[in-house]
Amino acid sequence: MTNRSMDFLSKHFECILDALPDGVFVSDVSGITLRVNRMYEQLTGLTQEQVQGKQVRTLVENGVFDKVLNPEIVRTGKPSTHVQQLQNGKKLVLSGFPVFDESGALRLVVTFVRDITMITRLNEQMEEQRHLIDQFHEQLAYITQKSSKALTPIYKSQSMQGVVNMLQTIAPTDASVLLLGETGVGKDVFARLTHGHSARKDRIFLKVDCGGISETLTESEMFGYMPGAFTGASNKGKAGYFELADGGTVFLDEIGELPLSMQTRLLRVLQDGEIMRVGGSRTTKVDVRIIAATNKNLSECVEMGTFRRDLYYRLNVAMVTIPALRERPDDVRPLVEHFLRYYSGKYGKSLAFMEVALGVLSRYQWPGNVRELQNVVHGLVITHKGSLISPRDLPVHITEDKTHGRCYADDILTGGRALKNIMADIERDFLQQALEVHGSVQKVADLFQVDRSTIFRKIQRK
């Protein structure tokens, strides 16, 4: 290149820099700022006069920006790329390159600058949306799993028919519902029944265990929080249960355990249909139906000052009491048969209860209600090796019901069944156990002097 050309380029060097579409920041090996172009001034709001002659480390110490490339490139002699955040919140991507002279000595560091603030914000917004979608999918998976259970409760008694009729009447009205009943009666089943007969049946049903969330997390879990609202909070923020369930139903199980501070915020949801995230300054409208349940006497809690009176009245628009299982013995048999079919199918077994065993179960008091019954049947299906479940296979606390001072033999002696049916059950049970012990129909036939055909007939008799 001729001297004339070099002179021409030198004369127009600043114009060339200002014509570049990227910001340019030029510094020497000591870190002194030599030149920035017009695009750099536009991107950063910093003028040539503000930075020229300034040490890049000093600019960082003064908070002008949080990252520079000069020291690293001078140290390594290699290009480098980093993201820089300015004092005004803008984010820039820096691409720095070393400049060497003819002898190979490092003389300058040239950094090209691009504004990625909008891209960063869009990515953050997309990430927040992905986070919300992930949360929704988690809840949807929970719903799908729970929806495999029948919406209609298993019952035969008239008292339960009355409960179901009442809930089916209430369901379409969209009114708040308060379900009362002992632990284990199946309040969540009746909450789902109500949701399933409402106009919201195709929207989300979200169960919230008010007693299962720590008091410190209850507010942020139920109402969500803004980015950086508290120590340990996600920088993306988080939607709460009411936002996730917008348009659907929120089932607040064990609402009597809800802290008073949260009761106040819940009242706002019921009264105004509004929530405010932790750390937020604006309210958000939500459209949710509230179904609450508790095993506590809420009216007593109100008198004791542990439950807000106004919230109690708001929830108590439609109150339904689920009777304990001991108050509806007619429901024991259909429940036992239902759970037996379910768990037998799950574990690939073929089991049946002897009639006398069903009688024992029907007369037991079931202090743990339906949940206890379900666990008993589950345990029997897992552990029983034969195909017929007799009274002696039942847990001792059931066959020896201390509440009434009886055992299952007492139930047989009270009558009510023909002797031939009782004896048929006993024979079937005995032969089944004998087959399990000896492992051969022929051996059992020889030992007890009975025909093989008789054994088959007595075992298969229902």
Protein backbone atom coordinates (compact mmCIF):
# COMPACT_ATOMS: atom_id res chain seq x y z
CA MET A 1 0.00 0.00 0.00
CA THR A 2 1.40 3.42 -0.97
CA ASN A 3 2.13 6.15 1.55
CA ARG A 4 -0.61 8.21 -0.09
CA SER A 5 -3.14 5.47 0.59
CA MET A 6 -1.98 5.10 4.19
CA ASP A 7 -2.31 8.82 4.71
CA PHE A 8 -5.78 8.75 3.22
CA LEU A 9 -6.88 5.96 5.56
CA SER A 10 -5.35 7.65 8.59
CA LYS A 11 -7.11 10.88 7.73
CA HIS A 12 -10.49 9.16 7.49
CA PHE A 13 -9.94 6.57 10.26
CA GLU A 14 -12.47 8.13 12.67
CA CYS A 15 -15.08 8.34 9.91
CA ILE A 16 -14.52 4.67 9.15
CA LEU A 17 -15.02 3.77 12.83
CA ASP A 18 -18.21 5.84 13.00
CA ALA A 19 -19.56 4.10 9.88
CA LEU A 20 -19.35 0.64 11.47
CA PRO A 21 -22.71 -0.91 12.53
CA ASP A 22 -21.21 -2.23 15.80
CA GLY A 23 -19.91 -0.26 18.73
CA VAL A 24 -16.10 -0.09 18.92
CA PHE A 25 -14.03 0.39 22.08
CA VAL A 26 -10.25 0.76 21.61
CA SER A 27 -7.81 0.57 24.54
CA ASP A 28 -4.05 0.16 24.91
CA VAL A 29 -2.09 -2.51 26.75
CA SER A 30 -2.18 -0.53 29.99
CA GLY A 31 -5.98 -0.41 29.90
CA ILE A 32 -6.36 3.25 28.93
CA THR A 33 -9.34 4.02 26.71
CA LEU A 34 -8.20 5.57 23.43
CA ARG A 35 -11.30 5.78 21.25
CA VAL A 36 -14.96 4.80 20.99
CA ASN A 37 -17.07 5.24 17.88
CA ARG A 38 -20.47 6.86 17.39
CA MET A 39 -22.39 3.55 17.56
CA TYR A 40 -20.76 2.78 20.92
CA GLU A 41 -21.99 6.16 22.20
CA GLN A 42 -25.51 5.39 20.95
CA LEU A 43 -25.55 1.89 22.46
CA THR A 44 -24.17 2.82 25.86
CA GLY A 45 -25.09 6.47 26.35
CA LEU A 46 -21.41 7.10 27.16
CA THR A 47 -19.62 9.80 25.18
CA GLN A 48 -16.07 9.86 23.93
CA GLU A 49 -15.26 12.60 26.47
CA GLN A 50 -16.58 10.48 29.38
CA VAL A 51 -14.35 7.45 28.71
CA GLN A 52 -11.33 8.67 26.71
CA GLY A 53 -8.15 8.53 28.77
CA LYS A 54 -9.89 6.57 31.53
CA GLN A 55 -8.50 3.30 32.90
CA VAL A 56 -10.96 0.46 32.14
CA ARG A 57 -10.55 -0.95 35.66
CA THR A 58 -11.53 2.43 37.10
CA LEU A 59 -14.66 2.48 34.95
CA VAL A 60 -15.59 -0.90 36.39
CA GLU A 61 -14.87 0.24 39.95
CA ASN A 62 -17.07 3.30 39.42
CA GLY A 63 -19.92 1.06 38.28
CA VAL A 64 -20.06 2.36 34.71
CA PHE A 65 -20.12 -1.25 33.58
CA ASP A 66 -19.43 -4.60 35.24
CA LYS A 67 -17.04 -6.33 32.82
CA VAL A 68 -14.16 -5.44 30.49
CA LEU A 69 -12.03 -7.64 28.24
CA ASN A 70 -8.78 -5.64 28.10
CA PRO A 71 -6.95 -7.21 31.10
CA GLU A 72 -7.77 -10.77 30.00
CA ILE A 73 -6.74 -10.21 26.39
CA VAL A 74 -3.51 -8.45 27.41
CA ARG A 75 -2.73 -11.40 29.71
CA THR A 76 -3.54 -14.19 27.23
CA GLY A 77 -3.01 -12.50 23.87
CA LYS A 78 -6.16 -14.24 22.64
CA PRO A 79 -9.63 -13.04 21.62
CA SER A 80 -12.38 -13.19 24.22
CA THR A 81 -16.15 -12.76 24.45
CA HIS A 82 -18.30 -11.81 27.44
CA VAL A 83 -21.62 -10.21 28.33
CA GLN A 84 -21.41 -6.75 29.91
CA GLN A 85 -24.14 -5.01 31.92
CA LEU A 86 -24.21 -1.23 32.08
CA GLN A 87 -25.24 0.96 34.97
CA ASN A 88 -28.59 1.63 33.24
CA GLY A 89 -29.38 -2.09 33.00
CA LYS A 90 -28.53 -2.55 29.33
CA LYS A 91 -26.78 -5.78 28.34
CA LEU A 92 -24.05 -5.85 25.68
CA VAL A 93 -22.08 -8.68 24.17
CA LEU A 94 -18.37 -7.85 23.94
CA SER A 95 -16.04 -9.46 21.38
CA GLY A 96 -12.46 -8.38 22.01
CA PHE A 97 -9.39 -8.91 19.81
CA PRO A 98 -5.68 -8.28 20.33
CA VAL A 99 -3.78 -6.06 17.83
CA PHE A 100 -0.04 -6.75 17.33
CA ASP A 101 2.64 -4.64 15.65
CA GLU A 102 5.21 -5.79 13.08
CA SER A 103 7.44 -7.24 15.80
CA GLY A 104 4.62 -9.30 17.29
CA ALA A 105 4.20 -7.13 20.37
CA LEU A 106 0.66 -6.53 21.64
CA ARG A 107 -0.25 -2.88 21.19
CA LEU A 108 -4.03 -2.47 21.29
CA VAL A 109 -7.22 -4.23 22.27
CA VAL A 110 -10.23 -3.63 20.01
CA THR A 111 -13.62 -4.58 21.40
CA PHE A 112 -16.73 -4.80 19.25
CA VAL A 113 -20.00 -4.20 21.07
CA ARG A 114 -23.56 -5.30 20.29
CA ASP A 115 -26.74 -4.57 22.24
CA ILE A 116 -28.51 -7.79 23.34
CA THR A 117 -30.85 -6.21 25.89
CA MET A 118 -34.01 -6.96 23.92
CA ILE A 119 -32.85 -10.45 23.03
CA THR A 120 -32.05 -11.13 26.68
CA ARG A 121 -35.45 -9.86 27.79
CA LEU A 122 -37.20 -11.98 25.18
CA ASN A 123 -35.21 -15.03 26.27
CA GLU A 124 -36.08 -14.37 29.92
CA GLN A 125 -39.75 -13.99 29.04
CA MET A 126 -39.64 -17.19 26.99
CA GLU A 127 -37.92 -18.97 29.87
CA GLU A 128 -40.60 -17.76 32.29
CA GLN A 129 -43.29 -19.00 29.93
CA ARG A 130 -41.52 -22.36 29.63
CA HIS A 131 -41.33 -22.51 33.42
CA LEU A 132 -45.06 -21.82 33.70
CA ILE A 133 -45.81 -24.43 31.04
CA ASP A 134 -43.66 -26.96 32.91
CA GLN A 135 -45.56 -26.21 36.12
CA PHE A 136 -48.85 -26.57 34.28
CA HIS A 137 -47.77 -29.88 32.77
CA GLU A 138 -46.75 -31.15 36.20
CA GLN A 139 -50.20 -30.30 37.51
CA LEU A 140 -51.78 -31.80 34.40
CA ALA A 141 -49.89 -35.04 34.97
CA TYR A 142 -51.18 -35.04 38.55
CA ILE A 143 -54.70 -34.45 37.28
CA THR A 144 -54.43 -37.24 34.71
CA GLN A 145 -53.21 -39.66 37.35
CA LYS A 146 -56.00 -38.76 39.74
CA SER A 147 -58.64 -38.68 37.02
CA SER A 148 -58.13 -42.41 36.46
CA LYS A 149 -60.23 -42.85 39.60
CA ALA A 150 -63.98 -42.80 39.10
CA LEU A 151 -65.63 -39.46 39.74
CA THR A 152 -68.60 -41.19 41.34
CA PRO A 153 -67.90 -42.42 44.89
CA ILE A 154 -68.47 -46.09 45.73
CA TYR A 155 -71.50 -46.44 47.98
CA LYS A 156 -74.79 -48.24 48.59
CA SER A 157 -76.20 -46.48 51.65
CA GLN A 158 -79.04 -43.96 51.53
CA SER A 159 -77.02 -41.45 53.55
CA MET A 160 -74.33 -41.36 50.88
CA GLN A 161 -76.92 -41.10 48.14
CA GLY A 162 -78.18 -37.98 49.88
CA VAL A 163 -74.65 -36.51 49.92
CA VAL A 164 -74.14 -37.22 46.22
CA ASN A 165 -77.54 -35.73 45.33
CA MET A 166 -76.70 -32.58 47.29
CA LEU A 167 -73.31 -32.14 45.59
CA GLN A 168 -74.75 -32.73 42.14
CA THR A 169 -77.28 -29.98 42.87
CA ILE A 170 -74.60 -27.57 44.11
CA ALA A 171 -71.99 -28.32 41.42
CA PRO A 172 -73.43 -26.26 38.51
CA THR A 173 -73.94 -23.14 40.67
CA ASP A 174 -70.20 -22.31 40.99
CA ALA A 175 -70.72 -21.52 44.69
CA SER A 176 -67.96 -22.17 47.24
CA VAL A 177 -68.33 -25.58 48.90
CA LEU A 178 -67.21 -26.64 52.37
CA LEU A 179 -66.84 -30.40 52.88
CA LEU A 180 -66.76 -31.64 56.48
CA GLY A 181 -65.85 -35.10 57.68
CA GLU A 182 -63.37 -37.21 59.56
CA THR A 183 -59.94 -37.97 58.16
CA GLY A 184 -60.12 -40.72 55.56
CA VAL A 185 -63.78 -40.42 54.55
CA GLY A 186 -62.78 -39.46 51.01
CA LYS A 187 -63.42 -35.72 50.93
CA ASP A 188 -61.15 -35.36 47.89
CA VAL A 189 -63.33 -37.85 45.98
CA PHE A 190 -66.39 -35.71 46.64
CA ALA A 191 -64.50 -32.56 45.68
CA ARG A 192 -63.68 -34.15 42.34
CA LEU A 193 -67.29 -35.25 41.97
CA THR A 194 -68.38 -31.62 42.43
CA HIS A 195 -65.82 -30.38 39.91
CA GLY A 196 -66.80 -33.12 37.45
CA HIS A 197 -70.44 -31.98 37.46
CA SER A 198 -69.61 -28.27 37.12
CA ALA A 199 -69.17 -26.04 34.08
CA ARG A 200 -65.42 -26.12 34.85
CA LYS A 201 -65.10 -29.89 34.39
CA ASP A 202 -62.83 -29.50 31.34
CA ARG A 203 -60.47 -27.13 33.18
CA ILE A 204 -57.83 -27.78 35.81
CA PHE A 205 -58.66 -29.28 39.21
CA LEU A 206 -55.82 -28.45 41.59
CA LYS A 207 -55.60 -29.99 45.04
CA VAL A 208 -53.72 -28.00 47.69
CA ASP A 209 -52.85 -29.62 51.01
CA CYS A 210 -53.01 -26.66 53.39
CA GLY A 211 -51.44 -28.72 56.16
CA GLY A 212 -48.64 -30.04 53.96
CA ILE A 213 -46.94 -26.74 53.10
CA SER A 214 -44.61 -25.10 55.60
CA GLU A 215 -45.93 -21.78 56.91
CA THR A 216 -42.94 -19.92 55.45
CA LEU A 217 -43.70 -21.21 51.94
CA THR A 218 -47.50 -21.11 52.01
CA GLU A 219 -47.80 -17.55 50.72
CA SER A 220 -45.37 -17.93 47.82
CA GLU A 221 -46.78 -21.34 46.83
CA MET A 222 -50.41 -20.24 46.86
CA PHE A 223 -50.04 -16.74 45.43
CA GLY A 224 -46.73 -16.93 43.56
CA TYR A 225 -43.85 -14.47 43.72
CA MET A 226 -42.03 -11.94 41.58
CA PRO A 227 -38.39 -12.40 40.46
CA GLY A 228 -36.02 -11.89 43.40
CA ALA A 229 -38.88 -11.37 45.87
CA PHE A 230 -36.91 -13.02 48.68
CA THR A 231 -33.65 -14.82 49.33
CA GLY A 232 -33.58 -18.02 47.33
CA ALA A 233 -36.43 -16.95 45.02
CA SER A 234 -36.08 -17.85 41.36
CA ASN A 235 -34.99 -14.92 39.19
CA LYS A 236 -37.81 -15.93 36.85
CA GLY A 237 -40.53 -15.64 39.48
CA LYS A 238 -43.23 -18.24 39.90
CA ALA A 239 -46.98 -18.48 39.38
CA GLY A 240 -49.01 -19.53 42.42
CA TYR A 241 -51.74 -22.14 42.64
CA PHE A 242 -54.55 -19.69 41.92
CA GLU A 243 -52.89 -18.45 38.72
CA LEU A 244 -52.23 -22.01 37.57
CA ALA A 245 -55.85 -22.97 38.18
CA ASP A 246 -57.36 -19.88 36.54
CA GLY A 247 -60.68 -20.94 35.02
CA GLY A 248 -60.75 -24.16 37.04
CA THR A 249 -61.22 -25.38 40.60
CA VAL A 250 -58.90 -25.13 43.61
CA PHE A 251 -59.50 -27.77 46.29
CA LEU A 252 -58.12 -26.56 49.64
CA ASP A 253 -57.80 -29.73 51.69
CA GLU A 254 -57.51 -29.38 55.48
CA ILE A 255 -58.24 -25.65 55.28
CA GLY A 256 -58.43 -25.54 59.07
CA GLU A 257 -54.60 -25.73 59.06
CA LEU A 258 -54.23 -22.54 57.01
CA PRO A 259 -52.36 -19.77 58.92
CA LEU A 260 -54.39 -16.66 59.79
CA SER A 261 -52.23 -14.47 57.53
CA MET A 262 -53.11 -16.67 54.55
CA GLN A 263 -56.77 -16.72 55.52
CA THR A 264 -56.83 -12.95 54.99
CA ARG A 265 -55.38 -13.28 51.51
CA LEU A 266 -57.72 -16.15 50.65
CA LEU A 267 -60.66 -13.97 51.65
CA ARG A 268 -59.55 -11.46 48.99
CA VAL A 269 -59.65 -14.19 46.36
CA LEU A 270 -63.19 -15.12 47.38
CA GLN A 271 -64.44 -11.53 47.63
CA ASP A 272 -62.70 -9.81 44.73
CA GLY A 273 -61.28 -12.61 42.58
CA GLU A 274 -57.81 -11.04 42.87
CA ILE A 275 -54.35 -12.19 43.91
CA MET A 276 -51.04 -10.39 44.35
CA ARG A 277 -47.73 -12.19 44.03
CA VAL A 278 -45.20 -11.91 46.85
CA GLY A 279 -43.01 -8.91 46.03
CA GLY A 280 -45.55 -7.58 43.52
CA SER A 281 -47.30 -4.23 43.44
CA ARG A 282 -50.23 -5.02 41.12
CA THR A 283 -53.17 -7.35 41.56
CA THR A 284 -54.10 -10.01 39.03
CA LYS A 285 -57.64 -11.17 38.35
CA VAL A 286 -58.25 -14.91 38.70
CA ASP A 287 -61.37 -16.94 38.05
CA VAL A 288 -61.36 -19.97 40.32
CA ARG A 289 -63.95 -21.96 42.20
CA ILE A 290 -63.03 -22.81 45.78
CA ILE A 291 -63.87 -26.16 47.34
CA ALA A 292 -62.55 -26.49 50.89
CA ALA A 293 -62.45 -29.46 53.24
CA THR A 294 -61.57 -30.03 56.87
CA ASN A 295 -61.89 -32.55 59.67
CA LYS A 296 -62.06 -29.73 62.21
CA ASN A 297 -65.10 -28.04 63.65
CA LEU A 298 -64.61 -24.64 62.01
CA SER A 299 -67.30 -22.93 64.07
CA GLU A 300 -65.33 -23.87 67.21
CA CYS A 301 -62.14 -22.64 65.55
CA VAL A 302 -63.86 -19.31 64.90
CA GLU A 303 -64.77 -18.99 68.58
CA MET A 304 -61.20 -19.88 69.55
CA GLY A 305 -59.83 -17.22 67.21
CA THR A 306 -57.85 -19.61 65.00
CA PHE A 307 -60.12 -19.18 61.97
CA ARG A 308 -61.51 -15.95 60.54
CA ARG A 309 -65.25 -15.57 61.00
CA ASP A 310 -65.73 -13.72 57.68
CA LEU A 311 -63.81 -16.42 55.79
CA TYR A 312 -65.89 -19.12 57.46
CA TYR A 313 -69.11 -17.45 56.28
CA ARG A 314 -67.68 -17.01 52.78
CA LEU A 315 -66.79 -20.70 52.56
CA ASN A 316 -69.98 -21.84 54.21
CA VAL A 317 -72.21 -21.04 51.21
CA ALA A 318 -72.82 -24.75 50.72
CA MET A 319 -71.72 -27.05 53.55
CA VAL A 320 -71.89 -30.82 53.13
CA THR A 321 -70.95 -33.38 55.80
CA ILE A 322 -69.54 -36.74 54.70
CA PRO A 323 -70.61 -39.40 57.24
CA ALA A 324 -67.99 -41.69 58.77
CA LEU A 325 -67.79 -45.23 57.41
CA ARG A 326 -68.96 -46.74 60.71
CA GLU A 327 -72.23 -44.82 60.24
CA ARG A 328 -72.87 -46.47 56.86
CA PRO A 329 -71.92 -50.18 57.10
CA ASP A 330 -73.83 -50.90 53.88
CA ASP A 331 -70.99 -49.21 52.00
CA VAL A 332 -68.26 -51.52 53.31
CA ARG A 333 -68.97 -54.43 50.93
CA PRO A 334 -69.02 -52.38 47.68
CA LEU A 335 -65.89 -50.53 48.79
CA VAL A 336 -64.07 -53.77 49.62
CA GLU A 337 -65.03 -55.28 46.28
CA HIS A 338 -63.99 -52.13 44.44
CA PHE A 339 -60.53 -52.00 46.03
CA LEU A 340 -60.11 -55.77 45.64
CA ARG A 341 -60.74 -55.50 41.89
CA TYR A 342 -58.38 -52.56 41.59
CA TYR A 343 -55.43 -54.06 43.46
CA SER A 344 -55.96 -57.58 42.10
CA GLY A 345 -55.73 -56.11 38.61
CA LYS A 346 -52.69 -54.04 39.53
CA TYR A 347 -50.75 -57.04 40.88
CA GLY A 348 -52.10 -59.65 38.47
CA LYS A 349 -53.90 -61.71 41.11
CA SER A 350 -57.29 -63.42 41.31
CA LEU A 351 -58.72 -63.11 44.80
CA ALA A 352 -62.11 -63.27 46.51
CA PHE A 353 -63.37 -62.75 50.07
CA MET A 354 -65.27 -65.45 51.88
CA GLU A 355 -68.79 -64.28 52.72
CA VAL A 356 -68.09 -64.60 56.43
CA ALA A 357 -64.97 -62.42 56.01
CA LEU A 358 -67.07 -59.72 54.34
CA GLY A 359 -69.44 -59.92 57.29
CA VAL A 360 -66.56 -59.31 59.70
CA LEU A 361 -65.39 -56.31 57.69
CA SER A 362 -68.92 -54.86 57.58
CA ARG A 363 -69.21 -55.00 61.38
CA TYR A 364 -65.80 -53.46 62.07
CA GLN A 365 -65.91 -49.79 63.19
CA TRP A 366 -63.24 -48.45 60.78
CA PRO A 367 -61.77 -45.58 62.82
CA GLY A 368 -59.60 -44.69 59.82
CA ASN A 369 -62.64 -44.71 57.52
CA VAL A 370 -62.33 -45.49 53.80
CA ARG A 371 -58.59 -44.88 53.79
CA GLU A 372 -58.08 -47.58 56.42
CA LEU A 373 -60.29 -50.00 54.50
CA GLN A 374 -58.36 -49.34 51.30
CA ASN A 375 -55.03 -49.98 53.04
CA VAL A 376 -56.32 -53.23 54.58
CA VAL A 377 -57.44 -54.55 51.19
CA HIS A 378 -54.20 -53.40 49.57
CA GLY A 379 -52.15 -55.23 52.19
CA LEU A 380 -54.20 -58.43 51.83
CA VAL A 381 -53.80 -58.48 48.05
CA ILE A 382 -50.04 -58.05 48.38
CA THR A 383 -49.46 -60.66 51.09
CA HIS A 384 -52.15 -63.31 50.53
CA LYS A 385 -50.92 -66.39 48.69
CA GLY A 386 -54.17 -68.21 48.06
CA SER A 387 -57.19 -67.21 46.02
CA LEU A 388 -59.70 -67.00 48.88
CA ILE A 389 -59.48 -64.57 51.81
CA SER A 390 -60.96 -65.96 55.03
CA PRO A 391 -61.56 -64.28 58.40
CA ARG A 392 -58.33 -65.69 59.77
CA ASP A 393 -56.42 -63.81 57.04
CA LEU A 394 -57.76 -60.48 58.28
CA PRO A 395 -55.68 -58.31 60.64
CA VAL A 396 -56.09 -59.28 64.30
CA HIS A 397 -57.42 -55.85 65.30
CA ILE A 398 -60.35 -56.42 62.92
CA THR A 399 -61.22 -60.02 63.80
CA GLU A 400 -60.96 -59.21 67.48
CA ASP A 401 -62.94 -55.99 67.56
CA LYS A 402 -62.39 -54.76 71.12
CA THR A 403 -65.01 -52.09 70.66
CA HIS A 404 -67.67 -54.78 70.79
CA GLY A 405 -65.64 -57.53 72.51
CA ARG A 406 -66.29 -59.96 69.64
CA CYS A 407 -64.38 -62.09 67.17
CA TYR A 408 -65.55 -63.37 63.80
CA ALA A 409 -66.74 -66.70 65.34
CA ASP A 410 -69.25 -64.67 67.38
CA ASP A 411 -70.65 -63.27 64.14
CA ILE A 412 -71.23 -66.76 62.80
CA LEU A 413 -72.96 -67.87 66.01
CA THR A 414 -75.39 -64.97 65.95
CA GLY A 415 -77.10 -66.62 62.98
CA GLY A 416 -78.55 -64.90 59.98
CA ARG A 417 -77.03 -67.39 57.50
CA ALA A 418 -77.93 -70.96 56.64
CA LEU A 419 -75.67 -73.59 58.21
CA LYS A 420 -74.93 -75.17 54.82
CA ASN A 421 -73.61 -71.81 53.52
CA ILE A 422 -71.42 -71.32 56.57
CA MET A 423 -70.06 -74.87 56.27
CA ALA A 424 -69.46 -74.41 52.53
CA ASP A 425 -67.33 -71.33 53.27
CA ILE A 426 -65.39 -73.18 55.96
CA GLU A 427 -64.80 -76.22 53.71
CA ARG A 428 -63.66 -74.05 50.83
CA ASP A 429 -61.27 -72.17 53.08
CA PHE A 430 -59.92 -75.38 54.60
CA LEU A 431 -59.31 -77.06 51.22
CA GLN A 432 -57.67 -73.93 49.83
CA GLN A 433 -55.25 -73.81 52.75
CA ALA A 434 -54.56 -77.55 52.44
CA LEU A 435 -53.67 -77.13 48.77
CA GLU A 436 -51.28 -74.33 49.66
CA VAL A 437 -49.56 -76.53 52.27
CA HIS A 438 -49.37 -79.77 50.25
CA GLY A 439 -49.22 -78.37 46.73
CA SER A 440 -51.18 -81.21 45.11
CA VAL A 441 -54.90 -81.92 44.65
CA GLN A 442 -54.20 -85.66 44.63
CA LYS A 443 -52.26 -85.51 47.90
CA VAL A 444 -55.05 -83.55 49.59
CA ALA A 445 -57.61 -86.05 48.24
CA ASP A 446 -55.60 -88.99 49.66
CA LEU A 447 -54.94 -87.35 53.03
CA PHE A 448 -58.56 -86.35 53.68
CA GLN A 449 -60.22 -89.24 51.81
CA VAL A 450 -62.18 -87.15 49.34
CA ASP A 451 -62.55 -87.32 45.55
CA ARG A 452 -60.56 -84.90 43.37
CA SER A 453 -63.79 -83.77 41.71
CA THR A 454 -65.25 -82.93 45.12
CA ILE A 455 -62.25 -80.74 45.93
CA PHE A 456 -62.60 -78.83 42.67
CA ARG A 457 -66.36 -78.40 43.16
CA LYS A 458 -66.07 -77.15 46.75
CA ILE A 459 -63.24 -74.72 45.98
CA GLN A 460 -65.03 -73.20 43.01
CA ARG A 461 -68.39 -72.85 44.78
CA LYS A 462 -69.37 -69.22 45.34
